[in-house]
């Protein structure tokens, strides 16, 4: 009998890395980074639930995490590392009866895109008006990059974050490299 060994691999395993469209990292107008140790939580609340956004904001501030609105009663919470178990339990208890907390860390991938040419590059793939007075730092919106659904957040004027379903992460990664070639792109996982 044939024995099959299964092994877990990150969503961006085997992704293209290096310099594209330039030979020197100092001239790259875009930096593409996979955030491999991220924790991604989704918070869903029913219509009429009150105080959820305030409770989330307080927890996010205390943990140094990021809050990404995804529609009415729907948020993503992103952390660069795994928050302590006690902290997650406290958040779950705080939201009890008001919202459900779902761990999406294995189902979604977090990609960071930055640089002086980042808005020109992203404009090739999304219909969101990325001018800073229209999509300011802290704003987040669901969008499409070609056929791929993703959550785009402007973290600061030249820094964006994309949350994408892990099964589409490699395809989006490759598309971002193609979109960024003309500006010079440095990609690393």
N, C-alpha and C. Protein backbone atom coordinates (compact mmCIF):
# COMPACT_ATOMS: atom_id res chain seq x y z
N UNK A 1 0.84 -1.18 0.00
CA UNK A 1 0.00 0.00 0.00
C UNK A 1 0.89 1.24 0.00
N UNK A 2 0.49 2.21 -0.78
CA UNK A 2 1.21 3.47 -0.89
C UNK A 2 0.91 4.33 0.33
N UNK A 3 1.95 4.77 0.98
CA UNK A 3 1.77 5.63 2.15
C UNK A 3 2.05 7.08 1.76
N UNK A 4 1.13 7.96 2.08
CA UNK A 4 1.26 9.36 1.73
C UNK A 4 1.55 10.16 2.99
N UNK A 5 2.58 10.97 2.91
CA UNK A 5 2.92 11.86 4.03
C UNK A 5 2.41 13.26 3.70
N UNK A 6 1.58 13.78 4.55
CA UNK A 6 1.10 15.14 4.38
C UNK A 6 1.94 16.08 5.23
N UNK A 7 2.24 17.24 4.68
CA UNK A 7 2.98 18.22 5.47
C UNK A 7 2.38 19.60 5.22
N UNK A 8 2.29 20.36 6.28
CA UNK A 8 1.73 21.71 6.19
C UNK A 8 2.78 22.64 5.60
N UNK A 9 2.35 23.47 4.67
CA UNK A 9 3.24 24.46 4.06
C UNK A 9 2.53 25.80 4.08
N UNK A 10 3.28 26.89 4.25
CA UNK A 10 2.65 28.21 4.22
C UNK A 10 2.01 28.48 2.85
N UNK A 11 1.03 29.34 2.83
CA UNK A 11 0.31 29.66 1.59
C UNK A 11 1.24 30.19 0.51
N UNK A 12 2.31 30.87 0.89
CA UNK A 12 3.23 31.44 -0.09
C UNK A 12 4.50 30.60 -0.24
N UNK A 13 4.41 29.32 0.10
CA UNK A 13 5.54 28.41 -0.09
C UNK A 13 5.91 28.38 -1.57
N UNK A 14 7.16 28.62 -1.87
CA UNK A 14 7.61 28.59 -3.26
C UNK A 14 7.34 29.87 -4.02
N UNK A 15 6.86 30.91 -3.34
CA UNK A 15 6.57 32.18 -4.01
C UNK A 15 7.85 32.82 -4.54
N UNK A 16 7.71 33.55 -5.64
CA UNK A 16 8.85 34.25 -6.23
C UNK A 16 9.39 35.28 -5.25
N UNK A 17 10.70 35.31 -5.12
CA UNK A 17 11.35 36.28 -4.24
C UNK A 17 12.50 36.93 -4.99
N UNK A 18 12.88 38.12 -4.56
CA UNK A 18 14.01 38.80 -5.16
C UNK A 18 13.63 40.15 -5.72
N UNK A 19 14.46 40.60 -6.67
CA UNK A 19 14.24 41.89 -7.34
C UNK A 19 13.63 41.65 -8.71
N UNK A 20 12.63 42.46 -9.04
CA UNK A 20 11.96 42.36 -10.33
C UNK A 20 11.85 43.76 -10.91
N UNK A 21 12.29 43.94 -12.15
CA UNK A 21 12.23 45.24 -12.81
C UNK A 21 13.35 46.18 -12.41
N UNK A 22 14.25 45.74 -11.58
CA UNK A 22 15.41 46.53 -11.16
C UNK A 22 16.52 45.57 -10.74
N UNK A 23 17.74 46.06 -10.76
CA UNK A 23 18.88 45.23 -10.35
C UNK A 23 19.43 45.67 -9.00
N UNK A 24 18.85 46.75 -8.46
CA UNK A 24 19.36 47.32 -7.22
C UNK A 24 18.20 47.58 -6.26
N UNK A 25 18.28 47.01 -5.06
CA UNK A 25 17.21 47.17 -4.08
C UNK A 25 16.97 48.63 -3.72
N UNK A 26 18.00 49.47 -3.80
CA UNK A 26 17.82 50.89 -3.44
C UNK A 26 16.95 51.65 -4.45
N UNK A 27 16.77 51.10 -5.64
CA UNK A 27 15.93 51.77 -6.64
C UNK A 27 14.54 51.16 -6.74
N UNK A 28 14.26 50.14 -5.95
CA UNK A 28 12.93 49.52 -5.97
C UNK A 28 11.90 50.49 -5.40
N UNK A 29 10.86 50.75 -6.18
CA UNK A 29 9.80 51.65 -5.73
C UNK A 29 8.74 50.96 -4.91
N UNK A 30 8.80 49.62 -4.85
CA UNK A 30 7.81 48.82 -4.14
C UNK A 30 8.53 47.73 -3.34
N UNK A 31 8.06 47.50 -2.13
CA UNK A 31 8.53 46.37 -1.32
C UNK A 31 7.31 45.52 -0.99
N UNK A 32 7.41 44.24 -1.32
CA UNK A 32 6.32 43.28 -1.11
C UNK A 32 6.80 42.28 -0.06
N UNK A 33 6.05 42.15 1.04
CA UNK A 33 6.45 41.30 2.14
C UNK A 33 5.30 40.42 2.60
N UNK A 34 5.59 39.15 2.81
CA UNK A 34 4.60 38.25 3.39
C UNK A 34 4.74 38.30 4.90
N UNK A 35 3.65 38.47 5.58
CA UNK A 35 3.65 38.50 7.04
C UNK A 35 3.33 37.10 7.52
N UNK A 36 4.36 36.28 7.71
CA UNK A 36 4.18 34.85 7.96
C UNK A 36 3.76 34.49 9.38
N UNK A 37 4.03 35.31 10.35
CA UNK A 37 3.70 34.98 11.74
C UNK A 37 2.44 35.69 12.23
N UNK A 38 1.63 36.17 11.31
CA UNK A 38 0.45 36.95 11.67
C UNK A 38 -0.64 36.11 12.31
N UNK A 39 -1.38 36.77 13.18
CA UNK A 39 -2.63 36.23 13.69
C UNK A 39 -3.74 37.07 13.08
N UNK A 40 -4.72 36.40 12.50
CA UNK A 40 -5.84 37.09 11.86
C UNK A 40 -7.13 36.56 12.48
N UNK A 41 -7.87 37.43 13.11
CA UNK A 41 -9.14 37.07 13.73
C UNK A 41 -10.26 37.78 12.99
N UNK A 42 -11.38 37.10 12.83
CA UNK A 42 -12.55 37.75 12.25
C UNK A 42 -13.60 37.85 13.34
N UNK A 43 -14.22 39.01 13.44
CA UNK A 43 -15.26 39.25 14.43
C UNK A 43 -16.55 39.54 13.68
N UNK A 44 -17.59 38.76 13.99
CA UNK A 44 -18.89 38.91 13.34
C UNK A 44 -19.94 39.17 14.41
N UNK A 45 -20.71 40.23 14.22
CA UNK A 45 -21.77 40.52 15.19
C UNK A 45 -23.11 40.62 14.45
N UNK A 46 -24.19 40.22 15.12
CA UNK A 46 -25.50 40.30 14.48
C UNK A 46 -26.00 41.74 14.43
N UNK A 47 -26.96 42.01 13.54
CA UNK A 47 -27.53 43.37 13.50
C UNK A 47 -28.07 43.75 14.88
N UNK A 48 -27.84 44.99 15.25
CA UNK A 48 -28.37 45.49 16.52
C UNK A 48 -27.43 45.29 17.70
N UNK A 49 -26.35 44.53 17.53
CA UNK A 49 -25.40 44.35 18.64
C UNK A 49 -24.71 45.69 18.90
N UNK A 50 -24.62 46.06 20.16
CA UNK A 50 -24.03 47.35 20.50
C UNK A 50 -22.72 47.18 21.26
N UNK A 51 -21.85 48.17 21.11
CA UNK A 51 -20.61 48.21 21.87
C UNK A 51 -19.49 47.33 21.35
N UNK A 52 -19.71 46.62 20.25
CA UNK A 52 -18.68 45.69 19.75
C UNK A 52 -17.46 46.46 19.27
N UNK A 53 -17.66 47.49 18.46
CA UNK A 53 -16.54 48.26 17.92
C UNK A 53 -15.70 48.88 19.04
N UNK A 54 -16.37 49.38 20.07
CA UNK A 54 -15.65 50.00 21.20
C UNK A 54 -14.83 48.97 21.96
N UNK A 55 -15.41 47.78 22.20
CA UNK A 55 -14.68 46.71 22.91
C UNK A 55 -13.47 46.26 22.10
N UNK A 56 -13.66 46.12 20.78
CA UNK A 56 -12.56 45.73 19.91
C UNK A 56 -11.46 46.78 19.92
N UNK A 57 -11.86 48.05 19.82
CA UNK A 57 -10.87 49.14 19.80
C UNK A 57 -10.04 49.13 21.08
N UNK A 58 -10.66 48.91 22.22
CA UNK A 58 -9.94 48.87 23.49
C UNK A 58 -8.95 47.71 23.51
N UNK A 59 -9.38 46.54 23.06
CA UNK A 59 -8.50 45.36 23.06
C UNK A 59 -7.34 45.55 22.09
N UNK A 60 -7.64 46.06 20.91
CA UNK A 60 -6.62 46.27 19.88
C UNK A 60 -5.57 47.25 20.39
N UNK A 61 -6.00 48.32 21.04
CA UNK A 61 -5.06 49.30 21.59
C UNK A 61 -4.16 48.70 22.65
N UNK A 62 -4.72 47.85 23.50
CA UNK A 62 -3.94 47.22 24.57
C UNK A 62 -2.96 46.18 24.02
N UNK A 63 -3.31 45.51 22.93
CA UNK A 63 -2.48 44.44 22.38
C UNK A 63 -1.53 44.91 21.27
N UNK A 64 -1.68 46.15 20.82
CA UNK A 64 -0.85 46.63 19.72
C UNK A 64 -1.23 45.97 18.40
N UNK A 65 -2.49 45.62 18.26
CA UNK A 65 -2.99 44.96 17.06
C UNK A 65 -3.62 46.00 16.13
N UNK A 66 -4.11 45.54 14.99
CA UNK A 66 -4.78 46.43 14.04
C UNK A 66 -6.21 45.99 13.84
N UNK A 67 -7.10 46.95 13.66
CA UNK A 67 -8.51 46.66 13.44
C UNK A 67 -8.86 47.06 12.01
N UNK A 68 -9.47 46.14 11.26
CA UNK A 68 -9.81 46.36 9.86
C UNK A 68 -11.31 46.17 9.64
N UNK A 69 -12.09 47.26 9.57
CA UNK A 69 -13.52 47.12 9.30
C UNK A 69 -13.76 46.43 7.96
N UNK A 70 -14.73 45.52 7.93
CA UNK A 70 -15.00 44.75 6.71
C UNK A 70 -16.48 44.79 6.34
N UNK A 71 -17.19 45.75 6.85
CA UNK A 71 -18.62 45.86 6.58
C UNK A 71 -19.38 45.93 7.88
N UNK A 72 -20.70 46.12 7.82
CA UNK A 72 -21.50 46.22 9.05
C UNK A 72 -21.37 44.97 9.91
N UNK A 73 -20.96 45.15 11.14
CA UNK A 73 -20.85 44.04 12.08
C UNK A 73 -19.77 43.03 11.73
N UNK A 74 -18.76 43.45 10.98
CA UNK A 74 -17.72 42.53 10.53
C UNK A 74 -16.37 43.24 10.56
N UNK A 75 -15.40 42.67 11.28
CA UNK A 75 -14.07 43.25 11.40
C UNK A 75 -13.04 42.14 11.31
N UNK A 76 -11.83 42.53 10.88
CA UNK A 76 -10.66 41.68 11.02
C UNK A 76 -9.76 42.33 12.05
N UNK A 77 -9.18 41.51 12.90
CA UNK A 77 -8.18 41.97 13.86
C UNK A 77 -6.88 41.29 13.46
N UNK A 78 -5.83 42.09 13.23
CA UNK A 78 -4.54 41.54 12.81
C UNK A 78 -3.48 41.84 13.86
N UNK A 79 -2.65 40.84 14.10
CA UNK A 79 -1.55 40.97 15.06
C UNK A 79 -0.29 40.41 14.39
N UNK A 80 0.84 41.03 14.66
CA UNK A 80 2.09 40.53 14.07
C UNK A 80 2.56 39.23 14.71
N UNK A 81 2.06 38.90 15.86
CA UNK A 81 2.42 37.66 16.54
C UNK A 81 1.17 37.09 17.20
N UNK A 82 1.28 35.92 17.76
CA UNK A 82 0.15 35.29 18.45
C UNK A 82 -0.06 35.96 19.80
N UNK A 83 -1.22 36.57 20.02
CA UNK A 83 -1.49 37.16 21.34
C UNK A 83 -1.55 36.06 22.40
N UNK A 84 -1.26 36.39 23.65
CA UNK A 84 -1.35 35.38 24.71
C UNK A 84 -2.76 34.77 24.79
N UNK A 85 -2.82 33.51 25.09
CA UNK A 85 -4.10 32.78 25.16
C UNK A 85 -5.08 33.47 26.11
N UNK A 86 -4.58 33.93 27.26
CA UNK A 86 -5.44 34.58 28.24
C UNK A 86 -6.08 35.84 27.66
N UNK A 87 -5.31 36.56 26.84
CA UNK A 87 -5.82 37.79 26.24
C UNK A 87 -6.94 37.48 25.24
N UNK A 88 -6.75 36.43 24.44
CA UNK A 88 -7.79 36.02 23.49
C UNK A 88 -9.04 35.53 24.21
N UNK A 89 -8.85 34.80 25.31
CA UNK A 89 -9.99 34.33 26.10
C UNK A 89 -10.75 35.51 26.70
N UNK A 90 -10.00 36.52 27.16
CA UNK A 90 -10.64 37.71 27.72
C UNK A 90 -11.44 38.45 26.65
N UNK A 91 -10.89 38.55 25.43
CA UNK A 91 -11.62 39.20 24.34
C UNK A 91 -12.88 38.42 24.01
N UNK A 92 -12.77 37.12 23.93
CA UNK A 92 -13.93 36.28 23.62
C UNK A 92 -15.02 36.45 24.68
N UNK A 93 -14.60 36.49 25.95
CA UNK A 93 -15.56 36.67 27.04
C UNK A 93 -16.22 38.05 26.98
N UNK A 94 -15.43 39.08 26.64
CA UNK A 94 -15.95 40.44 26.52
C UNK A 94 -17.00 40.54 25.41
N UNK A 95 -16.79 39.79 24.33
CA UNK A 95 -17.70 39.85 23.18
C UNK A 95 -18.86 38.87 23.29
N UNK A 96 -18.85 38.03 24.32
CA UNK A 96 -19.87 36.99 24.47
C UNK A 96 -21.28 37.58 24.41
N UNK A 97 -22.10 36.99 23.56
CA UNK A 97 -23.47 37.45 23.38
C UNK A 97 -23.61 38.63 22.42
N UNK A 98 -22.49 39.24 22.06
CA UNK A 98 -22.52 40.39 21.15
C UNK A 98 -21.90 40.07 19.79
N UNK A 99 -20.89 39.17 19.79
CA UNK A 99 -20.17 38.87 18.55
C UNK A 99 -19.46 37.53 18.68
N UNK A 100 -19.15 36.95 17.54
CA UNK A 100 -18.38 35.70 17.49
C UNK A 100 -16.97 36.02 17.03
N UNK A 101 -16.00 35.35 17.61
CA UNK A 101 -14.59 35.54 17.31
C UNK A 101 -14.08 34.28 16.60
N UNK A 102 -13.58 34.43 15.39
CA UNK A 102 -13.12 33.29 14.59
C UNK A 102 -11.66 33.47 14.22
N UNK A 103 -10.85 32.46 14.44
CA UNK A 103 -9.44 32.51 14.07
C UNK A 103 -9.32 32.20 12.59
N UNK A 104 -8.82 33.15 11.81
CA UNK A 104 -8.65 33.00 10.36
C UNK A 104 -7.17 32.94 9.98
N UNK A 105 -6.30 32.70 10.96
CA UNK A 105 -4.86 32.74 10.72
C UNK A 105 -4.40 31.72 9.68
N UNK A 106 -5.06 30.59 9.60
CA UNK A 106 -4.67 29.58 8.62
C UNK A 106 -5.48 29.69 7.33
N UNK A 107 -6.55 30.44 7.35
CA UNK A 107 -7.41 30.57 6.19
C UNK A 107 -7.15 31.82 5.36
N UNK A 108 -6.42 32.78 5.94
CA UNK A 108 -6.12 34.02 5.24
C UNK A 108 -4.64 34.32 5.35
N UNK A 109 -4.15 35.04 4.37
CA UNK A 109 -2.74 35.43 4.33
C UNK A 109 -2.67 36.95 4.31
N UNK A 110 -1.70 37.47 5.02
CA UNK A 110 -1.51 38.91 5.15
C UNK A 110 -0.27 39.31 4.36
N UNK A 111 -0.46 40.19 3.38
CA UNK A 111 0.63 40.65 2.53
C UNK A 111 0.78 42.15 2.73
N UNK A 112 2.01 42.59 2.95
CA UNK A 112 2.28 44.03 3.13
C UNK A 112 2.95 44.56 1.86
N UNK A 113 2.49 45.72 1.41
CA UNK A 113 3.00 46.36 0.21
C UNK A 113 3.32 47.81 0.56
N UNK A 114 4.55 48.25 0.27
CA UNK A 114 4.93 49.61 0.63
C UNK A 114 5.87 50.20 -0.40
N UNK A 115 6.05 51.50 -0.30
CA UNK A 115 7.01 52.19 -1.16
C UNK A 115 6.43 53.44 -1.78
N UNK A 116 7.28 54.29 -2.36
CA UNK A 116 6.82 55.55 -2.92
C UNK A 116 5.92 55.39 -4.15
N UNK A 117 5.93 54.26 -4.79
CA UNK A 117 5.11 54.03 -6.00
C UNK A 117 3.95 53.07 -5.72
N UNK A 118 3.67 52.80 -4.47
CA UNK A 118 2.68 51.78 -4.12
C UNK A 118 1.27 52.10 -4.62
N UNK A 119 0.85 53.36 -4.55
CA UNK A 119 -0.51 53.66 -5.00
C UNK A 119 -0.65 53.49 -6.51
N UNK A 120 0.39 53.86 -7.28
CA UNK A 120 0.33 53.65 -8.73
C UNK A 120 0.25 52.16 -9.06
N UNK A 121 1.00 51.36 -8.33
CA UNK A 121 0.99 49.92 -8.58
C UNK A 121 -0.37 49.31 -8.22
N UNK A 122 -0.88 49.61 -7.04
CA UNK A 122 -2.16 49.03 -6.60
C UNK A 122 -3.32 49.50 -7.47
N UNK A 123 -3.23 50.71 -8.01
CA UNK A 123 -4.30 51.22 -8.86
C UNK A 123 -4.47 50.38 -10.13
N UNK A 124 -3.44 49.64 -10.51
CA UNK A 124 -3.54 48.75 -11.67
C UNK A 124 -4.47 47.57 -11.40
N UNK A 125 -4.67 47.23 -10.12
CA UNK A 125 -5.42 46.02 -9.80
C UNK A 125 -6.73 46.20 -9.07
N UNK A 126 -6.99 47.40 -8.56
CA UNK A 126 -8.21 47.60 -7.78
C UNK A 126 -8.96 48.84 -8.26
N UNK A 127 -10.25 48.84 -8.05
CA UNK A 127 -11.08 49.98 -8.46
C UNK A 127 -11.20 51.04 -7.36
N UNK A 128 -10.59 50.81 -6.20
CA UNK A 128 -10.64 51.79 -5.11
C UNK A 128 -9.83 53.02 -5.50
N UNK A 129 -10.38 54.20 -5.25
CA UNK A 129 -9.66 55.45 -5.46
C UNK A 129 -8.64 55.58 -4.33
N UNK A 130 -7.37 55.41 -4.64
CA UNK A 130 -6.33 55.35 -3.62
C UNK A 130 -5.70 56.69 -3.29
N UNK A 131 -6.25 57.78 -3.85
CA UNK A 131 -5.72 59.09 -3.45
C UNK A 131 -5.94 59.24 -1.95
N UNK A 132 -4.97 59.83 -1.28
CA UNK A 132 -4.99 59.86 0.19
C UNK A 132 -6.22 60.56 0.76
N UNK A 133 -6.76 61.56 0.09
CA UNK A 133 -7.95 62.23 0.63
C UNK A 133 -9.21 61.38 0.43
N UNK A 134 -9.15 60.34 -0.40
CA UNK A 134 -10.28 59.43 -0.60
C UNK A 134 -10.15 58.16 0.23
N UNK A 135 -8.93 57.65 0.35
CA UNK A 135 -8.66 56.41 1.07
C UNK A 135 -7.51 56.69 2.02
N UNK A 136 -7.84 57.26 3.16
CA UNK A 136 -6.85 57.76 4.11
C UNK A 136 -6.25 56.63 4.96
N UNK A 137 -5.10 56.88 5.59
CA UNK A 137 -4.54 55.89 6.50
C UNK A 137 -5.57 55.47 7.55
N UNK A 138 -5.66 54.19 7.78
CA UNK A 138 -6.63 53.62 8.72
C UNK A 138 -7.87 53.09 8.03
N UNK A 139 -8.09 53.49 6.78
CA UNK A 139 -9.27 52.99 6.07
C UNK A 139 -9.01 51.60 5.51
N UNK A 140 -10.09 50.85 5.43
CA UNK A 140 -10.03 49.47 4.97
C UNK A 140 -11.28 49.19 4.15
N UNK A 141 -11.14 48.38 3.11
CA UNK A 141 -12.30 48.07 2.27
C UNK A 141 -12.10 46.73 1.56
N UNK A 142 -13.18 45.97 1.41
CA UNK A 142 -13.10 44.78 0.57
C UNK A 142 -13.02 45.22 -0.90
N UNK A 143 -12.24 44.50 -1.69
CA UNK A 143 -12.06 44.86 -3.09
C UNK A 143 -11.70 43.62 -3.90
N UNK A 144 -11.56 43.82 -5.18
CA UNK A 144 -11.09 42.76 -6.07
C UNK A 144 -9.75 43.18 -6.67
N UNK A 145 -8.84 42.23 -6.78
CA UNK A 145 -7.62 42.39 -7.56
C UNK A 145 -7.78 41.39 -8.70
N UNK A 146 -8.24 41.88 -9.84
CA UNK A 146 -8.61 40.98 -10.92
C UNK A 146 -9.79 40.15 -10.46
N UNK A 147 -9.61 38.85 -10.38
CA UNK A 147 -10.69 37.95 -9.95
C UNK A 147 -10.59 37.57 -8.48
N UNK A 148 -9.59 38.12 -7.78
CA UNK A 148 -9.31 37.71 -6.40
C UNK A 148 -9.90 38.71 -5.41
N UNK A 149 -10.75 38.21 -4.53
CA UNK A 149 -11.35 39.03 -3.48
C UNK A 149 -10.34 39.21 -2.35
N UNK A 150 -10.21 40.44 -1.86
CA UNK A 150 -9.25 40.73 -0.80
C UNK A 150 -9.73 41.91 0.03
N UNK A 151 -9.11 42.09 1.18
CA UNK A 151 -9.37 43.23 2.06
C UNK A 151 -8.14 44.13 1.99
N UNK A 152 -8.31 45.35 1.53
CA UNK A 152 -7.21 46.30 1.38
C UNK A 152 -7.29 47.34 2.49
N UNK A 153 -6.17 47.57 3.17
CA UNK A 153 -6.09 48.56 4.24
C UNK A 153 -4.91 49.48 3.97
N UNK A 154 -5.15 50.78 4.11
CA UNK A 154 -4.04 51.73 4.04
C UNK A 154 -3.57 51.95 5.46
N UNK A 155 -2.37 51.49 5.76
CA UNK A 155 -1.81 51.58 7.10
C UNK A 155 -1.20 52.96 7.33
N UNK A 156 -0.50 53.47 6.32
CA UNK A 156 0.07 54.82 6.35
C UNK A 156 0.15 55.29 4.89
N UNK A 157 0.58 56.53 4.63
CA UNK A 157 0.53 57.01 3.25
C UNK A 157 1.18 56.09 2.21
N UNK A 158 2.28 55.43 2.55
CA UNK A 158 2.97 54.57 1.58
C UNK A 158 2.99 53.10 2.00
N UNK A 159 2.10 52.71 2.90
CA UNK A 159 2.06 51.33 3.38
C UNK A 159 0.64 50.79 3.32
N UNK A 160 0.48 49.66 2.66
CA UNK A 160 -0.82 49.01 2.54
C UNK A 160 -0.69 47.56 3.02
N UNK A 161 -1.82 47.00 3.37
CA UNK A 161 -1.89 45.61 3.79
C UNK A 161 -3.04 44.96 3.03
N UNK A 162 -2.81 43.75 2.56
CA UNK A 162 -3.83 43.01 1.84
C UNK A 162 -4.08 41.70 2.57
N UNK A 163 -5.33 41.43 2.93
CA UNK A 163 -5.74 40.15 3.50
C UNK A 163 -6.44 39.39 2.38
N UNK A 164 -5.99 38.17 2.14
CA UNK A 164 -6.53 37.37 1.05
C UNK A 164 -6.70 35.94 1.53
N UNK A 165 -7.71 35.25 0.99
CA UNK A 165 -7.86 33.84 1.31
C UNK A 165 -6.57 33.12 0.91
N UNK A 166 -6.08 32.25 1.77
CA UNK A 166 -4.79 31.61 1.56
C UNK A 166 -4.70 30.85 0.24
N UNK A 167 -5.81 30.28 -0.21
CA UNK A 167 -5.77 29.54 -1.47
C UNK A 167 -5.54 30.45 -2.68
N UNK A 168 -5.73 31.76 -2.52
CA UNK A 168 -5.49 32.72 -3.61
C UNK A 168 -4.21 33.53 -3.40
N UNK A 169 -3.52 33.32 -2.29
CA UNK A 169 -2.37 34.16 -1.93
C UNK A 169 -1.25 34.09 -2.97
N UNK A 170 -0.91 32.92 -3.43
CA UNK A 170 0.19 32.78 -4.38
C UNK A 170 -0.15 33.46 -5.71
N UNK A 171 -1.38 33.31 -6.15
CA UNK A 171 -1.81 33.96 -7.39
C UNK A 171 -1.77 35.48 -7.25
N UNK A 172 -2.24 36.00 -6.12
CA UNK A 172 -2.20 37.45 -5.88
C UNK A 172 -0.75 37.93 -5.80
N UNK A 173 0.11 37.18 -5.12
CA UNK A 173 1.53 37.52 -4.99
C UNK A 173 2.15 37.70 -6.38
N UNK A 174 1.91 36.72 -7.24
CA UNK A 174 2.46 36.78 -8.60
C UNK A 174 1.90 37.99 -9.36
N UNK A 175 0.61 38.27 -9.20
CA UNK A 175 0.00 39.42 -9.87
C UNK A 175 0.61 40.74 -9.37
N UNK A 176 0.86 40.84 -8.06
CA UNK A 176 1.46 42.05 -7.51
C UNK A 176 2.87 42.26 -8.07
N UNK A 177 3.62 41.18 -8.24
CA UNK A 177 4.96 41.31 -8.83
C UNK A 177 4.87 41.82 -10.26
N UNK A 178 3.95 41.28 -11.03
CA UNK A 178 3.77 41.73 -12.41
C UNK A 178 3.38 43.21 -12.43
N UNK A 179 2.43 43.61 -11.56
CA UNK A 179 1.99 45.01 -11.51
C UNK A 179 3.11 45.96 -11.08
N UNK A 180 4.05 45.47 -10.27
CA UNK A 180 5.10 46.32 -9.73
C UNK A 180 6.40 46.36 -10.52
N UNK A 181 6.53 45.51 -11.54
CA UNK A 181 7.79 45.46 -12.31
C UNK A 181 8.24 46.81 -12.85
N UNK A 182 7.31 47.59 -13.38
CA UNK A 182 7.73 48.86 -14.00
C UNK A 182 8.30 49.84 -12.98
N UNK A 183 7.98 49.67 -11.71
CA UNK A 183 8.47 50.55 -10.66
C UNK A 183 9.70 49.97 -9.95
N UNK A 184 10.01 48.73 -10.25
CA UNK A 184 11.04 48.01 -9.52
C UNK A 184 10.44 47.49 -8.23
N UNK A 185 10.46 46.20 -8.05
CA UNK A 185 9.84 45.60 -6.87
C UNK A 185 10.80 44.63 -6.19
N UNK A 186 10.82 44.71 -4.89
CA UNK A 186 11.60 43.78 -4.07
C UNK A 186 10.61 42.94 -3.30
N UNK A 187 10.63 41.62 -3.54
CA UNK A 187 9.67 40.71 -2.91
C UNK A 187 10.40 39.73 -2.00
N UNK A 188 9.89 39.59 -0.78
CA UNK A 188 10.44 38.57 0.13
C UNK A 188 9.38 38.04 1.06
N UNK A 189 9.46 36.72 1.27
CA UNK A 189 8.48 36.03 2.13
C UNK A 189 8.98 35.94 3.55
